[in-house]
Amino acid sequence: MRDLPGDLMDCGICVAPGRFEVAPRAWPMIAPPGWRLVDIAAIGICGTDYHIFEGKHPFLDYPRVIGHELSGHLADGPDAGQLVVVNPYLSCGTCRACLRGKPNCCAAIEVLGVHRDGGMCARIAVPEANLYPAEGLSAIQAAMVEFLAIGAHAVARAGLVPGDRVLVTGAGPIGLGTAIFARLAGAEVHLSDLSAERLATARRLFGFERLQEAGRDILAGDLAEGFDTVFDATGSAASIMAGFPLVAHGGSSVLVSVVKDDITFADAEFHKRETRIIGSRNALRADFDRVIAAIRDGQVPTDAIATEVLPLADLPGRFPGLAAERGAIVKVLVTP
């Protein structure tokens, strides 16, 4: 990185759609009461970041320091130096959702790197309650916890039991994370995607063998009765609606991705099957803890997930290409 005055640090900033720069910002020296300073160690790039770069995110004002998949070391206090995972969902603590133990869907939620500046920088201040010890993990592994927790949360919402037959539509990072934790829950996991390349990656790197070509009629033979749970991680309204008829009688549809479009279904079929439609948003502390434990126990192939690790200084030149080629990428991580 370039030399800067001691009171400045480089930050990765989406200045406008299609324009990403590394520029100086003030180095945080004091955290507000109840917050801690964290020296960022690694940042994961996710679909949200690509959408911000492409100008497709509906809840964002430019310029924005991006980055919400974060690991770092505590920079202050008696435990300074401890590796932590950052929970980037800042909740109000007073709305009905928060008071019912659901801060992941807080009515006034702010996500680092989206609603406020994120962690693609050397240091950031974060509420202490949003920092989780990452003992036994590397900094790169710890930066993968947040996106994996989204899939772990969806699996927890579904209430899977061993032997359940599930279909995950969308074999991108969130879909793969969902599939990994559904497999750890003992389910028979099928993956569907429009991209043959992504399905091949799911087989080669993660050992998934039950691969279904999206758009093809798969309700035949052993699958004729459908799936106990269908997880949609495509971000496509058409895919979500196409998944409803794939849910077996008594089964569930879990919407992991979010779309701006209206979603419709045939009420007669919905009632006949007694279908549950479940929204899944962000993750809870329990989901982060579940992921951290699974990585520490070697249950998550993090080496396969990390497609590339690159320095922040290289990202302005690489961002357009990464965005264009992300169908072939599982996870790119950045070090500040």
Protein backbone atom coordinates (compact mmCIF):
# COMPACT_ATOMS: atom_id res chain seq x y z
CA MET A 1 0.00 0.00 0.00
CA ARG A 2 1.07 3.62 -0.48
CA ASP A 3 2.39 5.72 2.39
CA LEU A 4 -0.20 7.99 4.03
CA PRO A 5 -0.08 10.40 6.97
CA GLY A 6 -0.68 8.69 10.30
CA ASP A 7 -4.21 10.05 10.62
CA LEU A 8 -5.38 8.67 7.25
CA MET A 9 -6.07 5.21 5.86
CA ASP A 10 -6.95 3.85 2.44
CA CYS A 11 -10.57 2.78 1.90
CA GLY A 12 -12.30 0.94 -0.93
CA ILE A 13 -15.06 3.25 -2.09
CA CYS A 14 -17.76 2.87 -4.73
CA VAL A 15 -17.87 6.51 -5.80
CA ALA A 16 -20.64 5.97 -8.35
CA PRO A 17 -22.03 3.04 -10.35
CA GLY A 18 -19.18 1.50 -12.30
CA ARG A 19 -16.54 3.53 -10.46
CA PHE A 20 -14.53 2.01 -7.61
CA GLU A 21 -11.54 3.78 -6.08
CA VAL A 22 -9.10 3.49 -3.22
CA ALA A 23 -9.07 6.85 -1.43
CA PRO A 24 -7.99 8.19 1.98
CA ARG A 25 -10.35 8.60 4.90
CA ALA A 26 -9.72 9.54 8.53
CA TRP A 27 -8.21 6.82 10.71
CA PRO A 28 -10.62 6.08 13.62
CA MET A 29 -8.88 6.73 16.93
CA ILE A 30 -11.72 6.62 19.47
CA ALA A 31 -14.78 4.33 19.53
CA PRO A 32 -18.15 5.59 20.82
CA PRO A 33 -19.35 4.17 24.17
CA GLY A 34 -20.27 0.51 23.76
CA TRP A 35 -18.30 0.22 20.50
CA ARG A 36 -14.83 -1.20 19.80
CA LEU A 37 -12.13 -0.41 17.28
CA VAL A 38 -11.28 -3.29 14.95
CA ASP A 39 -8.23 -3.50 12.70
CA ILE A 40 -9.61 -5.20 9.61
CA ALA A 41 -7.76 -8.34 8.49
CA ALA A 42 -9.83 -9.57 5.53
CA ILE A 43 -12.94 -8.61 3.58
CA GLY A 44 -15.09 -10.86 1.42
CA ILE A 45 -16.67 -9.53 -1.77
CA CYS A 46 -20.25 -10.66 -2.24
CA GLY A 47 -23.14 -10.22 -4.63
CA THR A 48 -24.26 -7.11 -2.76
CA ASP A 49 -20.91 -5.46 -3.51
CA TYR A 50 -21.17 -6.34 -7.18
CA HIS A 51 -24.71 -4.92 -7.27
CA ILE A 52 -23.44 -1.71 -5.65
CA PHE A 53 -20.69 -1.48 -8.26
CA GLU A 54 -23.23 -2.02 -11.03
CA GLY A 55 -25.71 0.51 -9.62
CA LYS A 56 -28.37 -2.12 -8.93
CA HIS A 57 -28.72 -1.83 -5.17
CA PRO A 58 -32.01 -0.16 -4.11
CA PHE A 59 -30.97 0.99 -0.60
CA LEU A 60 -27.66 2.74 -1.14
CA ASP A 61 -26.35 6.27 -1.53
CA TYR A 62 -23.00 6.96 -3.22
CA PRO A 63 -20.18 7.34 -2.43
CA ARG A 64 -19.99 4.34 -0.09
CA VAL A 65 -17.14 2.48 1.57
CA ILE A 66 -18.20 -1.09 0.86
CA GLY A 67 -17.44 -4.29 2.72
CA HIS A 68 -19.56 -6.22 5.19
CA GLU A 69 -17.98 -9.70 5.22
CA LEU A 70 -15.29 -8.82 7.75
CA SER A 71 -12.70 -10.25 10.08
CA GLY A 72 -10.28 -8.26 12.18
CA HIS A 73 -8.33 -7.89 15.39
CA LEU A 74 -9.53 -5.87 18.36
CA ALA A 75 -7.48 -2.68 18.45
CA ASP A 76 -8.25 -1.53 21.99
CA GLY A 77 -8.99 -2.89 25.43
CA PRO A 78 -7.39 -5.69 27.46
CA ASP A 79 -8.13 -8.27 24.73
CA ALA A 80 -6.50 -6.22 21.96
CA GLY A 81 -5.23 -8.44 19.19
CA GLN A 82 -8.02 -11.03 19.48
CA LEU A 83 -9.36 -12.20 16.10
CA VAL A 84 -13.08 -11.51 15.71
CA VAL A 85 -15.85 -11.90 13.17
CA VAL A 86 -17.88 -8.76 12.55
CA ASN A 87 -21.66 -9.07 12.48
CA PRO A 88 -22.45 -6.22 10.06
CA TYR A 89 -26.15 -5.91 10.91
CA LEU A 90 -26.60 -2.95 13.23
CA SER A 91 -29.99 -3.17 14.97
CA CYS A 92 -31.89 -0.63 17.07
CA GLY A 93 -32.56 -2.94 20.02
CA THR A 94 -36.00 -1.41 20.71
CA CYS A 95 -38.34 -2.42 17.85
CA ARG A 96 -40.68 -5.40 18.13
CA ALA A 97 -38.35 -7.65 16.14
CA CYS A 98 -35.35 -6.80 18.33
CA LEU A 99 -37.33 -7.25 21.54
CA ARG A 100 -38.42 -10.69 20.30
CA GLY A 101 -34.83 -11.79 19.68
CA LYS A 102 -34.84 -11.14 15.94
CA PRO A 103 -32.35 -8.30 15.39
CA ASN A 104 -31.56 -9.75 11.96
CA CYS A 105 -34.83 -8.25 10.72
CA CYS A 106 -34.81 -5.10 12.85
CA ALA A 107 -37.26 -2.49 11.58
CA ALA A 108 -34.47 0.10 11.46
CA ILE A 109 -31.57 -2.17 10.51
CA GLU A 110 -28.39 -0.69 9.06
CA VAL A 111 -25.90 -2.93 7.28
CA LEU A 112 -22.25 -1.95 7.17
CA GLY A 113 -21.20 -1.26 3.60
CA VAL A 114 -24.79 -0.63 2.51
CA HIS A 115 -26.72 1.79 4.72
CA ARG A 116 -23.52 3.18 6.24
CA ASP A 117 -19.83 2.94 5.40
CA GLY A 118 -18.39 -0.53 5.67
CA GLY A 119 -15.11 -2.20 6.46
CA MET A 120 -13.03 -2.19 3.28
CA CYS A 121 -10.39 -0.21 5.12
CA ALA A 122 -7.73 -0.64 7.78
CA ARG A 123 -9.86 0.12 10.85
CA ILE A 124 -13.53 0.44 11.73
CA ALA A 125 -15.63 1.05 14.85
CA VAL A 126 -18.30 -1.59 15.56
CA PRO A 127 -20.75 -2.15 18.43
CA GLU A 128 -19.09 -4.56 20.85
CA ALA A 129 -22.16 -6.83 20.79
CA ASN A 130 -21.54 -7.36 17.05
CA LEU A 131 -18.07 -8.82 17.54
CA TYR A 132 -17.71 -12.59 17.93
CA PRO A 133 -14.47 -14.38 18.92
CA ALA A 134 -13.01 -16.44 16.07
CA GLU A 135 -10.67 -18.69 18.03
CA GLY A 136 -9.21 -21.46 15.91
CA LEU A 137 -9.90 -19.73 12.59
CA SER A 138 -7.56 -17.87 10.27
CA ALA A 139 -8.37 -14.27 9.35
CA ILE A 140 -9.39 -15.43 5.85
CA GLN A 141 -11.70 -18.10 7.26
CA ALA A 142 -13.23 -15.62 9.69
CA ALA A 143 -14.09 -13.27 6.80
CA MET A 144 -16.20 -16.07 5.27
CA VAL A 145 -18.39 -16.56 8.34
CA GLU A 146 -20.98 -13.87 7.58
CA PHE A 147 -22.03 -15.11 4.16
CA LEU A 148 -22.06 -18.72 5.35
CA ALA A 149 -24.22 -17.67 8.31
CA ILE A 150 -26.92 -16.54 5.87
CA GLY A 151 -27.23 -20.10 4.58
CA ALA A 152 -26.99 -21.53 8.09
CA HIS A 153 -29.82 -19.22 9.18
CA ALA A 154 -32.00 -20.33 6.26
CA VAL A 155 -31.41 -23.98 7.17
CA ALA A 156 -32.28 -23.25 10.81
CA ARG A 157 -35.47 -21.45 9.71
CA ALA A 158 -36.47 -24.51 7.67
CA GLY A 159 -36.19 -26.89 10.64
CA LEU A 160 -34.63 -29.68 8.60
CA VAL A 161 -34.37 -33.18 10.02
CA PRO A 162 -31.99 -35.93 8.85
CA GLY A 163 -33.25 -37.60 5.70
CA ASP A 164 -35.17 -34.60 4.38
CA ARG A 165 -34.92 -34.17 0.63
CA VAL A 166 -34.06 -30.58 -0.23
CA LEU A 167 -33.45 -28.59 -3.37
CA VAL A 168 -31.27 -25.49 -3.38
CA THR A 169 -31.86 -23.37 -6.47
CA GLY A 170 -28.94 -21.08 -7.25
CA ALA A 171 -25.41 -22.46 -6.87
CA GLY A 172 -23.69 -19.14 -6.17
CA PRO A 173 -21.97 -18.49 -2.83
CA ILE A 174 -25.18 -18.10 -0.80
CA GLY A 175 -26.71 -21.20 -2.39
CA LEU A 176 -23.55 -23.20 -1.79
CA GLY A 177 -23.45 -22.10 1.83
CA THR A 178 -27.09 -23.12 2.23
CA ALA A 179 -26.37 -26.48 0.61
CA ILE A 180 -23.35 -27.10 2.85
CA PHE A 181 -25.34 -26.51 6.02
CA ALA A 182 -28.33 -28.48 4.76
CA ARG A 183 -25.93 -31.38 4.17
CA LEU A 184 -24.51 -30.95 7.68
CA ALA A 185 -28.10 -31.15 8.97
CA GLY A 186 -28.37 -34.61 7.41
CA ALA A 187 -30.49 -33.71 4.39
CA GLU A 188 -30.30 -35.23 0.93
CA VAL A 189 -29.21 -32.15 -1.00
CA HIS A 190 -29.96 -31.42 -4.65
CA LEU A 191 -28.59 -28.33 -6.39
CA SER A 192 -30.10 -26.53 -9.38
CA ASP A 193 -28.68 -23.71 -11.49
CA LEU A 194 -28.85 -22.35 -15.02
CA SER A 195 -25.05 -22.40 -15.19
CA ALA A 196 -23.44 -25.72 -16.00
CA GLU A 197 -20.15 -24.16 -14.84
CA ARG A 198 -21.51 -23.47 -11.36
CA LEU A 199 -22.94 -26.97 -11.08
CA ALA A 200 -19.61 -28.42 -12.14
CA THR A 201 -17.91 -26.32 -9.45
CA ALA A 202 -20.37 -27.59 -6.85
CA ARG A 203 -19.43 -31.16 -7.77
CA ARG A 204 -15.69 -30.64 -8.13
CA LEU A 205 -15.01 -28.49 -5.08
CA PHE A 206 -17.80 -29.42 -2.68
CA GLY A 207 -18.76 -32.97 -3.58
CA PHE A 208 -22.40 -32.38 -4.48
CA GLU A 209 -23.57 -35.08 -6.87
CA ARG A 210 -27.32 -34.52 -7.13
CA LEU A 211 -27.28 -31.73 -9.69
CA GLN A 212 -30.40 -30.60 -11.53
CA GLU A 213 -30.45 -28.48 -14.66
CA ALA A 214 -32.67 -25.46 -14.01
CA GLY A 215 -35.71 -25.25 -16.26
CA ARG A 216 -35.91 -28.99 -16.78
CA ASP A 217 -38.82 -31.02 -15.38
CA ILE A 218 -37.19 -32.87 -12.50
CA LEU A 219 -40.32 -34.30 -10.85
CA ALA A 220 -39.89 -37.83 -12.13
CA GLY A 221 -38.83 -41.19 -10.73
CA ASP A 222 -37.64 -40.94 -7.14
CA LEU A 223 -38.26 -37.18 -7.21
CA ALA A 224 -41.87 -37.42 -8.42
CA GLU A 225 -43.31 -36.33 -5.07
CA GLY A 226 -41.08 -33.27 -4.86
CA PHE A 227 -38.82 -31.89 -2.14
CA ASP A 228 -39.47 -31.46 1.55
CA THR A 229 -37.82 -28.04 1.36
CA VAL A 230 -36.91 -25.84 -1.59
CA PHE A 231 -34.41 -23.06 -0.84
CA ASP A 232 -34.26 -20.28 -3.42
CA ALA A 233 -30.95 -18.42 -3.61
CA THR A 234 -31.26 -17.12 -7.17
CA GLY A 235 -32.56 -13.58 -6.71
CA SER A 236 -35.05 -14.33 -9.50
CA ALA A 237 -38.82 -13.97 -9.07
CA ALA A 238 -39.37 -16.41 -11.93
CA SER A 239 -37.19 -19.00 -10.18
CA ILE A 240 -39.00 -18.53 -6.88
CA MET A 241 -42.40 -19.05 -8.50
CA ALA A 242 -41.12 -22.02 -10.53
CA GLY A 243 -40.01 -23.60 -7.26
CA PHE A 244 -43.43 -23.66 -5.61
CA PRO A 245 -44.67 -26.70 -7.61
CA LEU A 246 -41.47 -28.55 -6.63
CA VAL A 247 -42.41 -28.50 -2.93
CA ALA A 248 -43.77 -31.84 -1.73
CA HIS A 249 -47.03 -32.07 0.18
CA GLY A 250 -46.37 -30.82 3.70
CA GLY A 251 -43.16 -29.11 2.61
CA SER A 252 -41.64 -25.65 2.73
CA SER A 253 -40.31 -22.99 0.39
CA VAL A 254 -37.55 -20.89 1.94
CA LEU A 255 -36.76 -17.59 0.23
CA VAL A 256 -33.09 -16.90 0.96
CA SER A 257 -32.66 -14.32 -1.78
CA VAL A 258 -34.75 -11.16 -2.03
CA VAL A 259 -36.38 -9.69 -5.13
CA LYS A 260 -38.23 -6.44 -5.75
CA ASP A 261 -40.96 -8.13 -7.81
CA ASP A 262 -44.29 -9.46 -6.61
CA ILE A 263 -44.41 -13.20 -5.98
CA THR A 264 -47.58 -15.13 -6.82
CA PHE A 265 -48.73 -18.73 -6.42
CA ALA A 266 -51.81 -20.85 -7.04
CA ASP A 267 -53.77 -20.80 -3.81
CA ALA A 268 -55.43 -24.17 -4.43
CA GLU A 269 -52.05 -25.88 -4.75
CA PHE A 270 -50.69 -23.94 -1.78
CA HIS A 271 -53.53 -25.16 0.46
CA LYS A 272 -53.62 -28.68 -0.95
CA ARG A 273 -49.96 -29.13 -0.05
CA GLU A 274 -50.20 -27.15 3.21
CA THR A 275 -47.08 -25.36 2.03
CA ARG A 276 -45.05 -23.13 4.30
CA ILE A 277 -43.41 -20.09 2.70
CA ILE A 278 -40.56 -18.84 4.87
CA GLY A 279 -38.61 -15.65 4.47
CA SER A 280 -35.00 -15.78 5.66
CA ARG A 281 -33.03 -12.59 6.22
CA ASN A 282 -29.44 -12.10 7.38
CA ALA A 283 -28.42 -14.21 10.40
CA LEU A 284 -28.45 -14.40 14.19
CA ARG A 285 -25.62 -14.78 16.70
CA ALA A 286 -26.46 -18.50 16.95
CA ASP A 287 -25.93 -18.87 13.19
CA PHE A 288 -22.54 -17.13 13.36
CA ASP A 289 -21.55 -19.42 16.23
CA ARG A 290 -22.71 -22.48 14.28
CA VAL A 291 -20.59 -21.49 11.29
CA ILE A 292 -17.51 -20.67 13.39
CA ALA A 293 -17.74 -24.07 15.09
CA ALA A 294 -18.24 -25.89 11.78
CA ILE A 295 -15.19 -24.22 10.21
CA ARG A 296 -13.08 -24.90 13.31
CA ASP A 297 -14.15 -28.57 13.19
CA GLY A 298 -13.18 -28.90 9.52
CA GLN A 299 -16.77 -29.35 8.33
CA VAL A 300 -16.65 -26.45 5.84
CA PRO A 301 -14.16 -26.59 2.92
CA THR A 302 -12.94 -23.01 3.25
CA ASP A 303 -9.91 -23.61 1.01
CA ALA A 304 -12.31 -24.45 -1.82
CA ILE A 305 -14.47 -21.41 -1.08
CA ALA A 306 -11.59 -18.91 -1.30
CA THR A 307 -11.16 -18.47 -5.03
CA GLU A 308 -8.58 -15.68 -4.66
CA VAL A 309 -7.10 -13.35 -2.06
CA LEU A 310 -5.88 -9.99 -3.33
CA PRO A 311 -4.67 -6.71 -1.79
CA LEU A 312 -6.94 -3.68 -1.69
CA ALA A 313 -4.54 -1.74 -3.91
CA ASP A 314 -5.26 -4.17 -6.77
CA LEU A 315 -9.05 -4.03 -6.49
CA PRO A 316 -9.79 -0.89 -8.58
CA GLY A 317 -8.21 -2.51 -11.61
CA ARG A 318 -9.79 -5.89 -10.94
CA PHE A 319 -13.34 -4.97 -9.87
CA PRO A 320 -14.91 -4.68 -13.35
CA GLY A 321 -13.50 -8.04 -14.40
CA LEU A 322 -14.53 -9.74 -11.17
CA ALA A 323 -18.07 -8.42 -11.54
CA ALA A 324 -18.25 -9.62 -15.14
CA GLU A 325 -16.82 -13.06 -14.34
CA ARG A 326 -18.46 -13.75 -10.99
CA GLY A 327 -20.31 -16.78 -12.32
CA ALA A 328 -16.96 -18.58 -12.22
CA ILE A 329 -16.02 -17.24 -8.77
CA VAL A 330 -16.98 -18.67 -5.41
CA LYS A 331 -15.42 -16.04 -3.14
CA VAL A 332 -12.78 -13.34 -3.62
CA LEU A 333 -11.30 -11.88 -0.45
CA VAL A 334 -9.39 -8.63 0.00
CA THR A 335 -6.69 -7.75 2.52
CA PRO A 336 -6.33 -4.10 3.51
